[in-house]
């Protein structure tokens, strides 16, 4: 390998090492949905929020009508998904007593 090839190889390596990775702006992390059966600890209707006894989990409704017919102490089946770090309710259904 001659001197000229060595310099060219070295410059190529240095050029590649200086490249910065590019990330999409505004991207959000969306995890697969989870399904649990839980008891409602509290309902915050102005914030569209449920707090569940199990795991002390807070989940948020995208539509206030998702919380209609729910009450504290009620057992529910809940399907939710983490979207940008916030657990969002996909489906909530009361369980029979």
PDB file of N, CA and C in Angstrom:
ATOM      1  N   UNK A   1       0.863  -1.169   0.000  1.00  0.00           N
ATOM      2  CA  UNK A   1       0.000   0.000   0.000  1.00  0.00           C
ATOM      3  C   UNK A   1       0.908   1.231   0.000  1.00  0.00           C
ATOM      4  N   UNK A   2       0.668   2.095  -0.938  1.00  0.00           N
ATOM      5  CA  UNK A   2       1.516   3.283  -1.006  1.00  0.00           C
ATOM      6  C   UNK A   2       0.987   4.385  -0.098  1.00  0.00           C
ATOM      7  N   UNK A   3       1.741   5.427   0.013  1.00  0.00           N
ATOM      8  CA  UNK A   3       1.434   6.540   0.909  1.00  0.00           C
ATOM      9  C   UNK A   3       0.120   7.205   0.539  1.00  0.00           C
ATOM     10  N   UNK A   4      -0.129   7.371  -0.749  1.00  0.00           N
ATOM     11  CA  UNK A   4      -1.332   8.051  -1.212  1.00  0.00           C
ATOM     12  C   UNK A   4      -2.598   7.254  -0.814  1.00  0.00           C
ATOM     13  N   UNK A   5      -2.585   5.949  -0.959  1.00  0.00           N
ATOM     14  CA  UNK A   5      -3.712   5.100  -0.584  1.00  0.00           C
ATOM     15  C   UNK A   5      -3.951   5.133   0.920  1.00  0.00           C
ATOM     16  N   UNK A   6      -2.854   5.158   1.685  1.00  0.00           N
ATOM     17  CA  UNK A   6      -2.971   5.214   3.143  1.00  0.00           C
ATOM     18  C   UNK A   6      -3.624   6.515   3.592  1.00  0.00           C
ATOM     19  N   UNK A   7      -3.213   7.634   3.009  1.00  0.00           N
ATOM     20  CA  UNK A   7      -3.795   8.937   3.360  1.00  0.00           C
ATOM     21  C   UNK A   7      -5.275   8.973   2.974  1.00  0.00           C
ATOM     22  N   UNK A   8      -5.606   8.452   1.798  1.00  0.00           N
ATOM     23  CA  UNK A   8      -6.995   8.434   1.348  1.00  0.00           C
ATOM     24  C   UNK A   8      -7.858   7.577   2.281  1.00  0.00           C
ATOM     25  N   UNK A   9      -7.359   6.421   2.690  1.00  0.00           N
ATOM     26  CA  UNK A   9      -8.091   5.553   3.616  1.00  0.00           C
ATOM     27  C   UNK A   9      -8.278   6.238   4.961  1.00  0.00           C
ATOM     28  N   UNK A  10      -7.256   6.910   5.455  1.00  0.00           N
ATOM     29  CA  UNK A  10      -7.336   7.608   6.733  1.00  0.00           C
ATOM     30  C   UNK A  10      -8.359   8.744   6.670  1.00  0.00           C
ATOM     31  N   UNK A  11      -8.353   9.517   5.593  1.00  0.00           N
ATOM     32  CA  UNK A  11      -9.325  10.604   5.442  1.00  0.00           C
ATOM     33  C   UNK A  11     -10.763  10.069   5.354  1.00  0.00           C
ATOM     34  N   UNK A  12     -10.941   8.947   4.690  1.00  0.00           N
ATOM     35  CA  UNK A  12     -12.272   8.340   4.587  1.00  0.00           C
ATOM     36  C   UNK A  12     -12.784   7.901   5.956  1.00  0.00           C
ATOM     37  N   UNK A  13     -11.918   7.274   6.749  1.00  0.00           N
ATOM     38  CA  UNK A  13     -12.300   6.837   8.086  1.00  0.00           C
ATOM     39  C   UNK A  13     -12.643   8.031   8.965  1.00  0.00           C
ATOM     40  N   UNK A  14     -11.853   9.068   8.919  1.00  0.00           N
ATOM     41  CA  UNK A  14     -12.120  10.266   9.725  1.00  0.00           C
ATOM     42  C   UNK A  14     -13.416  10.943   9.300  1.00  0.00           C
ATOM     43  N   UNK A  15     -13.695  10.961   8.008  1.00  0.00           N
ATOM     44  CA  UNK A  15     -14.935  11.564   7.519  1.00  0.00           C
ATOM     45  C   UNK A  15     -16.152  10.791   8.025  1.00  0.00           C
ATOM     46  N   UNK A  16     -16.084   9.474   7.982  1.00  0.00           N
ATOM     47  CA  UNK A  16     -17.200   8.643   8.460  1.00  0.00           C
ATOM     48  C   UNK A  16     -17.386   8.776   9.969  1.00  0.00           C
ATOM     49  N   UNK A  17     -16.311   8.932  10.709  1.00  0.00           N
ATOM     50  CA  UNK A  17     -16.385   9.034  12.166  1.00  0.00           C
ATOM     51  C   UNK A  17     -17.009  10.352  12.610  1.00  0.00           C
ATOM     52  N   UNK A  18     -16.971  11.368  11.770  1.00  0.00           N
ATOM     53  CA  UNK A  18     -17.490  12.676  12.177  1.00  0.00           C
ATOM     54  C   UNK A  18     -18.971  12.851  11.843  1.00  0.00           C
ATOM     55  N   UNK A  19     -19.615  11.870  11.234  1.00  0.00           N
ATOM     56  CA  UNK A  19     -21.030  11.973  10.870  1.00  0.00           C
ATOM     57  C   UNK A  19     -21.891  11.836  12.128  1.00  0.00           C
ATOM     58  N   UNK A  20     -22.823  12.763  12.302  1.00  0.00           N
ATOM     59  CA  UNK A  20     -23.747  12.744  13.427  1.00  0.00           C
ATOM     60  C   UNK A  20     -25.007  11.987  13.042  1.00  0.00           C
ATOM     61  N   UNK A  21     -25.534  11.142  13.933  1.00  0.00           N
ATOM     62  CA  UNK A  21     -26.799  10.470  13.613  1.00  0.00           C
ATOM     63  C   UNK A  21     -27.943  11.480  13.587  1.00  0.00           C
ATOM     64  N   UNK A  22     -28.921  11.233  12.760  1.00  0.00           N
ATOM     65  CA  UNK A  22     -30.072  12.129  12.627  1.00  0.00           C
ATOM     66  C   UNK A  22     -31.299  11.393  13.143  1.00  0.00           C
ATOM     67  N   UNK A  23     -32.030  12.034  14.071  1.00  0.00           N
ATOM     68  CA  UNK A  23     -33.248  11.460  14.640  1.00  0.00           C
ATOM     69  C   UNK A  23     -34.439  12.259  14.153  1.00  0.00           C
ATOM     70  N   UNK A  24     -35.531  11.596  13.934  1.00  0.00           N
ATOM     71  CA  UNK A  24     -36.754  12.278  13.522  1.00  0.00           C
ATOM     72  C   UNK A  24     -37.265  13.134  14.672  1.00  0.00           C
ATOM     73  N   UNK A  25     -37.616  14.354  14.363  1.00  0.00           N
ATOM     74  CA  UNK A  25     -38.163  15.231  15.402  1.00  0.00           C
ATOM     75  C   UNK A  25     -39.631  14.909  15.606  1.00  0.00           C
ATOM     76  N   UNK A  26     -40.066  15.018  16.844  1.00  0.00           N
ATOM     77  CA  UNK A  26     -41.467  14.791  17.159  1.00  0.00           C
ATOM     78  C   UNK A  26     -41.857  13.327  17.195  1.00  0.00           C
ATOM     79  N   UNK A  27     -40.892  12.455  17.166  1.00  0.00           N
ATOM     80  CA  UNK A  27     -41.241  11.040  17.219  1.00  0.00           C
ATOM     81  C   UNK A  27     -41.697  10.681  18.632  1.00  0.00           C
ATOM     82  N   UNK A  28     -42.565   9.698  18.732  1.00  0.00           N
ATOM     83  CA  UNK A  28     -43.063   9.293  20.037  1.00  0.00           C
ATOM     84  C   UNK A  28     -42.922   7.788  20.184  1.00  0.00           C
ATOM     85  N   UNK A  29     -42.770   7.360  21.413  1.00  0.00           N
ATOM     86  CA  UNK A  29     -42.640   5.954  21.718  1.00  0.00           C
ATOM     87  C   UNK A  29     -44.021   5.384  21.991  1.00  0.00           C
ATOM     88  N   UNK A  30     -44.380   4.358  21.241  1.00  0.00           N
ATOM     89  CA  UNK A  30     -45.666   3.689  21.428  1.00  0.00           C
ATOM     90  C   UNK A  30     -45.373   2.221  21.680  1.00  0.00           C
ATOM     91  N   UNK A  31     -45.779   1.741  22.853  1.00  0.00           N
ATOM     92  CA  UNK A  31     -45.555   0.349  23.228  1.00  0.00           C
ATOM     93  C   UNK A  31     -46.783  -0.492  22.900  1.00  0.00           C
ATOM     94  N   UNK A  32     -46.630  -1.811  22.818  1.00  0.00           N
ATOM     95  CA  UNK A  32     -47.792  -2.667  22.565  1.00  0.00           C
ATOM     96  C   UNK A  32     -48.825  -2.553  23.687  1.00  0.00           C
ATOM     97  N   UNK A  33     -50.103  -2.747  23.379  1.00  0.00           N
ATOM     98  CA  UNK A  33     -51.144  -2.648  24.408  1.00  0.00           C
ATOM     99  C   UNK A  33     -50.995  -3.720  25.483  1.00  0.00           C
ATOM    100  N   UNK A  34     -51.438  -3.375  26.689  1.00  0.00           N
ATOM    101  CA  UNK A  34     -51.480  -4.314  27.814  1.00  0.00           C
ATOM    102  C   UNK A  34     -52.932  -4.438  28.263  1.00  0.00           C
ATOM    103  N   UNK A  35     -53.276  -5.617  28.778  1.00  0.00           N
ATOM    104  CA  UNK A  35     -54.634  -5.823  29.283  1.00  0.00           C
ATOM    105  C   UNK A  35     -54.553  -6.330  30.716  1.00  0.00           C
ATOM    106  N   UNK A  36     -55.326  -5.702  31.616  1.00  0.00           N
ATOM    107  CA  UNK A  36     -55.341  -6.122  33.017  1.00  0.00           C
ATOM    108  C   UNK A  36     -56.772  -6.080  33.539  1.00  0.00           C
ATOM    109  N   UNK A  37     -56.997  -6.812  34.631  1.00  0.00           N
ATOM    110  CA  UNK A  37     -58.225  -6.695  35.411  1.00  0.00           C
ATOM    111  C   UNK A  37     -57.834  -6.001  36.701  1.00  0.00           C
ATOM    112  N   UNK A  38     -58.561  -4.950  37.055  1.00  0.00           N
ATOM    113  CA  UNK A  38     -58.171  -4.141  38.201  1.00  0.00           C
ATOM    114  C   UNK A  38     -59.398  -3.528  38.865  1.00  0.00           C
ATOM    115  N   UNK A  39     -59.168  -2.991  40.067  1.00  0.00           N
ATOM    116  CA  UNK A  39     -60.205  -2.297  40.825  1.00  0.00           C
ATOM    117  C   UNK A  39     -59.930  -0.797  40.761  1.00  0.00           C
ATOM    118  N   UNK A  40     -60.971  -0.024  40.540  1.00  0.00           N
ATOM    119  CA  UNK A  40     -60.821   1.435  40.453  1.00  0.00           C
ATOM    120  C   UNK A  40     -60.638   2.010  41.846  1.00  0.00           C
ATOM    121  N   UNK A  41     -59.564   2.738  42.053  1.00  0.00           N
ATOM    122  CA  UNK A  41     -59.283   3.404  43.329  1.00  0.00           C
ATOM    123  C   UNK A  41     -59.890   4.805  43.334  1.00  0.00           C
ATOM    124  N   UNK A  42     -59.734   5.526  42.230  1.00  0.00           N
ATOM    125  CA  UNK A  42     -60.333   6.861  42.135  1.00  0.00           C
ATOM    126  C   UNK A  42     -60.569   7.224  40.674  1.00  0.00           C
ATOM    127  N   UNK A  43     -61.522   8.137  40.482  1.00  0.00           N
ATOM    128  CA  UNK A  43     -61.857   8.638  39.145  1.00  0.00           C
ATOM    129  C   UNK A  43     -61.762  10.154  39.186  1.00  0.00           C
ATOM    130  N   UNK A  44     -60.972  10.705  38.294  1.00  0.00           N
ATOM    131  CA  UNK A  44     -60.832  12.159  38.169  1.00  0.00           C
ATOM    132  C   UNK A  44     -61.416  12.553  36.810  1.00  0.00           C
ATOM    133  N   UNK A  45     -62.711  12.846  36.807  1.00  0.00           N
ATOM    134  CA  UNK A  45     -63.399  13.126  35.536  1.00  0.00           C
ATOM    135  C   UNK A  45     -62.897  14.397  34.845  1.00  0.00           C
ATOM    136  N   UNK A  46     -62.595  15.488  35.567  1.00  0.00           N
ATOM    137  CA  UNK A  46     -62.079  16.668  34.862  1.00  0.00           C
ATOM    138  C   UNK A  46     -60.754  16.394  34.123  1.00  0.00           C
ATOM    139  N   UNK A  47     -59.949  15.486  34.649  1.00  0.00           N
ATOM    140  CA  UNK A  47     -58.661  15.161  34.022  1.00  0.00           C
ATOM    141  C   UNK A  47     -58.739  13.900  33.153  1.00  0.00           C
ATOM    142  N   UNK A  48     -59.941  13.289  33.071  1.00  0.00           N
ATOM    143  CA  UNK A  48     -60.130  12.030  32.320  1.00  0.00           C
ATOM    144  C   UNK A  48     -59.145  10.959  32.781  1.00  0.00           C
ATOM    145  N   UNK A  49     -59.065  10.763  34.099  1.00  0.00           N
ATOM    146  CA  UNK A  49     -58.034   9.895  34.670  1.00  0.00           C
ATOM    147  C   UNK A  49     -58.650   8.875  35.615  1.00  0.00           C
ATOM    148  N   UNK A  50     -58.167   7.632  35.516  1.00  0.00           N
ATOM    149  CA  UNK A  50     -58.506   6.576  36.465  1.00  0.00           C
ATOM    150  C   UNK A  50     -57.236   6.195  37.221  1.00  0.00           C
ATOM    151  N   UNK A  51     -57.379   5.944  38.515  1.00  0.00           N
ATOM    152  CA  UNK A  51     -56.287   5.376  39.298  1.00  0.00           C
ATOM    153  C   UNK A  51     -56.760   3.999  39.731  1.00  0.00           C
ATOM    154  N   UNK A  52     -55.923   2.995  39.466  1.00  0.00           N
ATOM    155  CA  UNK A  52     -56.270   1.617  39.768  1.00  0.00           C
ATOM    156  C   UNK A  52     -55.505   1.128  40.983  1.00  0.00           C
ATOM    157  N   UNK A  53     -56.141   0.286  41.786  1.00  0.00           N
ATOM    158  CA  UNK A  53     -55.512  -0.247  43.001  1.00  0.00           C
ATOM    159  C   UNK A  53     -54.267  -1.054  42.623  1.00  0.00           C
ATOM    160  N   UNK A  54     -54.405  -1.930  41.646  1.00  0.00           N
ATOM    161  CA  UNK A  54     -53.285  -2.762  41.218  1.00  0.00           C
ATOM    162  C   UNK A  54     -52.208  -1.889  40.581  1.00  0.00           C
ATOM    163  N   UNK A  55     -51.005  -2.031  41.098  1.00  0.00           N
ATOM    164  CA  UNK A  55     -49.831  -1.277  40.605  1.00  0.00           C
ATOM    165  C   UNK A  55     -49.948   0.227  40.819  1.00  0.00           C
ATOM    166  N   UNK A  56     -50.986   0.694  41.488  1.00  0.00           N
ATOM    167  CA  UNK A  56     -51.223   2.134  41.664  1.00  0.00           C
ATOM    168  C   UNK A  56     -51.091   2.846  40.317  1.00  0.00           C
ATOM    169  N   UNK A  57     -51.701   2.257  39.312  1.00  0.00           N
ATOM    170  CA  UNK A  57     -51.563   2.698  37.930  1.00  0.00           C
ATOM    171  C   UNK A  57     -52.539   3.815  37.607  1.00  0.00           C
ATOM    172  N   UNK A  58     -52.033   4.872  36.997  1.00  0.00           N
ATOM    173  CA  UNK A  58     -52.856   5.962  36.482  1.00  0.00           C
ATOM    174  C   UNK A  58     -53.003   5.759  34.980  1.00  0.00           C
ATOM    175  N   UNK A  59     -54.234   5.795  34.490  1.00  0.00           N
ATOM    176  CA  UNK A  59     -54.483   5.698  33.054  1.00  0.00           C
ATOM    177  C   UNK A  59     -55.397   6.845  32.648  1.00  0.00           C
ATOM    178  N   UNK A  60     -55.265   7.272  31.409  1.00  0.00           N
ATOM    179  CA  UNK A  60     -55.988   8.451  30.934  1.00  0.00           C
ATOM    180  C   UNK A  60     -56.913   8.097  29.778  1.00  0.00           C
ATOM    181  N   UNK A  61     -58.132   8.625  29.831  1.00  0.00           N
ATOM    182  CA  UNK A  61     -59.110   8.426  28.764  1.00  0.00           C
ATOM    183  C   UNK A  61     -58.911   9.495  27.699  1.00  0.00           C
ATOM    184  N   UNK A  62     -59.065   9.107  26.445  1.00  0.00           N
ATOM    185  CA  UNK A  62     -58.990  10.093  25.365  1.00  0.00           C
ATOM    186  C   UNK A  62     -60.346  10.743  25.137  1.00  0.00           C
ATOM    187  N   UNK A  63     -61.404  10.085  25.640  1.00  0.00           N
ATOM    188  CA  UNK A  63     -62.757  10.600  25.505  1.00  0.00           C
ATOM    189  C   UNK A  63     -63.439  10.472  26.873  1.00  0.00           C
ATOM    190  N   UNK A  64     -64.037  11.545  27.396  1.00  0.00           N
ATOM    191  CA  UNK A  64     -64.676  11.468  28.710  1.00  0.00           C
ATOM    192  C   UNK A  64     -65.769  10.401  28.794  1.00  0.00           C
ATOM    193  N   UNK A  65     -66.367  10.034  27.672  1.00  0.00           N
ATOM    194  CA  UNK A  65     -67.427   9.020  27.672  1.00  0.00           C
ATOM    195  C   UNK A  65     -66.883   7.639  28.029  1.00  0.00           C
ATOM    196  N   UNK A  66     -65.571   7.427  27.925  1.00  0.00           N
ATOM    197  CA  UNK A  66     -64.981   6.157  28.330  1.00  0.00           C
ATOM    198  C   UNK A  66     -65.166   5.901  29.823  1.00  0.00           C
ATOM    199  N   UNK A  67     -65.343   6.962  30.603  1.00  0.00           N
ATOM    200  CA  UNK A  67     -65.475   6.837  32.057  1.00  0.00           C
ATOM    201  C   UNK A  67     -66.937   6.747  32.512  1.00  0.00           C
ATOM    202  N   UNK A  68     -67.880   6.905  31.575  1.00  0.00           N
ATOM    203  CA  UNK A  68     -69.304   6.827  31.922  1.00  0.00           C
ATOM    204  C   UNK A  68     -69.641   5.450  32.485  1.00  0.00           C
ATOM    205  N   UNK A  69     -70.418   5.432  33.562  1.00  0.00           N
ATOM    206  CA  UNK A  69     -70.875   4.190  34.160  1.00  0.00           C
ATOM    207  C   UNK A  69     -69.860   3.525  35.080  1.00  0.00           C
ATOM    208  N   UNK A  70     -68.699   4.134  35.272  1.00  0.00           N
ATOM    209  CA  UNK A  70     -67.683   3.571  36.163  1.00  0.00           C
ATOM    210  C   UNK A  70     -67.778   4.216  37.535  1.00  0.00           C
ATOM    211  N   UNK A  71     -67.440   3.439  38.584  1.00  0.00           N
ATOM    212  CA  UNK A  71     -67.472   3.984  39.936  1.00  0.00           C
ATOM    213  C   UNK A  71     -66.301   3.424  40.743  1.00  0.00           C
ATOM    214  N   UNK A  72     -65.963   4.118  41.815  1.00  0.00           N
ATOM    215  CA  UNK A  72     -64.868   3.709  42.694  1.00  0.00           C
ATOM    216  C   UNK A  72     -65.199   2.346  43.306  1.00  0.00           C
ATOM    217  N   UNK A  73     -64.224   1.464  43.357  1.00  0.00           N
ATOM    218  CA  UNK A  73     -64.397   0.132  43.916  1.00  0.00           C
ATOM    219  C   UNK A  73     -64.842  -0.905  42.897  1.00  0.00           C
ATOM    220  N   UNK A  74     -65.183  -0.467  41.714  1.00  0.00           N
ATOM    221  CA  UNK A  74     -65.650  -1.372  40.676  1.00  0.00           C
ATOM    222  C   UNK A  74     -64.473  -2.097  40.022  1.00  0.00           C
ATOM    223  N   UNK A  75     -64.665  -3.388  39.695  1.00  0.00           N
ATOM    224  CA  UNK A  75     -63.645  -4.149  38.977  1.00  0.00           C
ATOM    225  C   UNK A  75     -63.885  -3.976  37.485  1.00  0.00           C
ATOM    226  N   UNK A  76     -62.782  -3.726  36.767  1.00  0.00           N
ATOM    227  CA  UNK A  76     -62.881  -3.507  35.326  1.00  0.00           C
ATOM    228  C   UNK A  76     -61.809  -4.310  34.592  1.00  0.00           C
ATOM    229  N   UNK A  77     -62.077  -4.572  33.338  1.00  0.00           N
ATOM    230  CA  UNK A  77     -61.065  -5.104  32.428  1.00  0.00           C
ATOM    231  C   UNK A  77     -60.606  -3.913  31.600  1.00  0.00           C
ATOM    232  N   UNK A  78     -59.315  -3.708  31.578  1.00  0.00           N
ATOM    233  CA  UNK A  78     -58.768  -2.501  30.972  1.00  0.00           C
ATOM    234  C   UNK A  78     -57.691  -2.874  29.961  1.00  0.00           C
ATOM    235  N   UNK A  79     -57.796  -2.296  28.796  1.00  0.00           N
ATOM    236  CA  UNK A  79     -56.749  -2.423  27.774  1.00  0.00           C
ATOM    237  C   UNK A  79     -56.200  -1.020  27.566  1.00  0.00           C
ATOM    238  N   UNK A  80     -54.885  -0.879  27.776  1.00  0.00           N
ATOM    239  CA  UNK A  80     -54.270   0.446  27.644  1.00  0.00           C
ATOM    240  C   UNK A  80     -52.938   0.321  26.927  1.00  0.00           C
ATOM    241  N   UNK A  81     -52.442   1.468  26.494  1.00  0.00           N
ATOM    242  CA  UNK A  81     -51.196   1.501  25.734  1.00  0.00           C
ATOM    243  C   UNK A  81     -50.382   2.728  26.146  1.00  0.00           C
ATOM    244  N   UNK A  82     -49.081   2.522  26.313  1.00  0.00           N
ATOM    245  CA  UNK A  82     -48.182   3.639  26.619  1.00  0.00           C
ATOM    246  C   UNK A  82     -47.919   4.413  25.329  1.00  0.00           C
ATOM    247  N   UNK A  83     -48.268   5.686  25.326  1.00  0.00           N
ATOM    248  CA  UNK A  83     -48.018   6.550  24.172  1.00  0.00           C
ATOM    249  C   UNK A  83     -47.278   7.779  24.667  1.00  0.00           C
ATOM    250  N   UNK A  84     -46.031   7.903  24.259  1.00  0.00           N
ATOM    251  CA  UNK A  84     -45.161   9.012  24.701  1.00  0.00           C
ATOM    252  C   UNK A  84     -45.083   9.072  26.217  1.00  0.00           C
ATOM    253  N   UNK A  85     -45.017   7.907  26.854  1.00  0.00           N
ATOM    254  CA  UNK A  85     -44.850   7.837  28.297  1.00  0.00           C
ATOM    255  C   UNK A  85     -46.123   7.983  29.101  1.00  0.00           C
ATOM    256  N   UNK A  86     -47.261   8.124  28.433  1.00  0.00           N
ATOM    257  CA  UNK A  86     -48.536   8.312  29.131  1.00  0.00           C
ATOM    258  C   UNK A  86     -49.438   7.119  28.826  1.00  0.00           C
ATOM    259  N   UNK A  87     -49.956   6.421  29.867  1.00  0.00           N
ATOM    260  CA  UNK A  87     -50.843   5.285  29.625  1.00  0.00           C
ATOM    261  C   UNK A  87     -52.236   5.752  29.182  1.00  0.00           C
ATOM    262  N   UNK A  88     -52.621   5.366  27.980  1.00  0.00           N
ATOM    263  CA  UNK A  88     -53.879   5.786  27.375  1.00  0.00           C
ATOM    264  C   UNK A  88     -54.843   4.608  27.325  1.00  0.00           C
ATOM    265  N   UNK A  89     -56.089   4.838  27.771  1.00  0.00           N
ATOM    266  CA  UNK A  89     -57.112   3.794  27.760  1.00  0.00           C
ATOM    267  C   UNK A  89     -57.548   3.538  26.318  1.00  0.00           C
ATOM    268  N   UNK A  90     -57.499   2.268  25.928  1.00  0.00           N
ATOM    269  CA  UNK A  90     -58.058   1.865  24.642  1.00  0.00           C
ATOM    270  C   UNK A  90     -59.479   1.342  24.842  1.00  0.00           C
ATOM    271  N   UNK A  91     -59.640   0.421  25.817  1.00  0.00           N
ATOM    272  CA  UNK A  91     -60.957  -0.147  26.129  1.00  0.00           C
ATOM    273  C   UNK A  91     -61.053  -0.323  27.644  1.00  0.00           C
ATOM    274  N   UNK A  92     -62.187   0.057  28.207  1.00  0.00           N
ATOM    275  CA  UNK A  92     -62.451  -0.218  29.613  1.00  0.00           C
ATOM    276  C   UNK A  92     -63.873  -0.771  29.702  1.00  0.00           C
ATOM    277  N   UNK A  93     -63.989  -1.914  30.399  1.00  0.00           N
ATOM    278  CA  UNK A  93     -65.297  -2.556  30.524  1.00  0.00           C
ATOM    279  C   UNK A  93     -65.482  -3.077  31.940  1.00  0.00           C
ATOM    280  N   UNK A  94     -66.634  -2.788  32.571  1.00  0.00           N
ATOM    281  CA  UNK A  94     -66.911  -3.317  33.908  1.00  0.00           C
ATOM    282  C   UNK A  94     -66.988  -4.845  33.884  1.00  0.00           C
ATOM    283  N   UNK A  95     -66.510  -5.474  34.939  1.00  0.00           N
ATOM    284  CA  UNK A  95     -66.609  -6.920  35.085  1.00  0.00           C
ATOM    285  C   UNK A  95     -67.861  -7.256  35.874  1.00  0.00           C
ATOM    286  N   UNK A  96     -68.507  -8.380  35.567  1.00  0.00           N
ATOM    287  CA  UNK A  96     -69.692  -8.750  36.344  1.00  0.00           C
ATOM    288  C   UNK A  96     -69.314  -9.050  37.778  1.00  0.00           C
ATOM    289  N   UNK A  97     -70.238  -8.800  38.690  1.00  0.00           N
ATOM    290  CA  UNK A  97     -69.954  -8.987  40.123  1.00  0.00           C
ATOM    291  C   UNK A  97     -69.969 -10.419  40.512  1.00  0.00           C
TER     292      UNK A  97
END
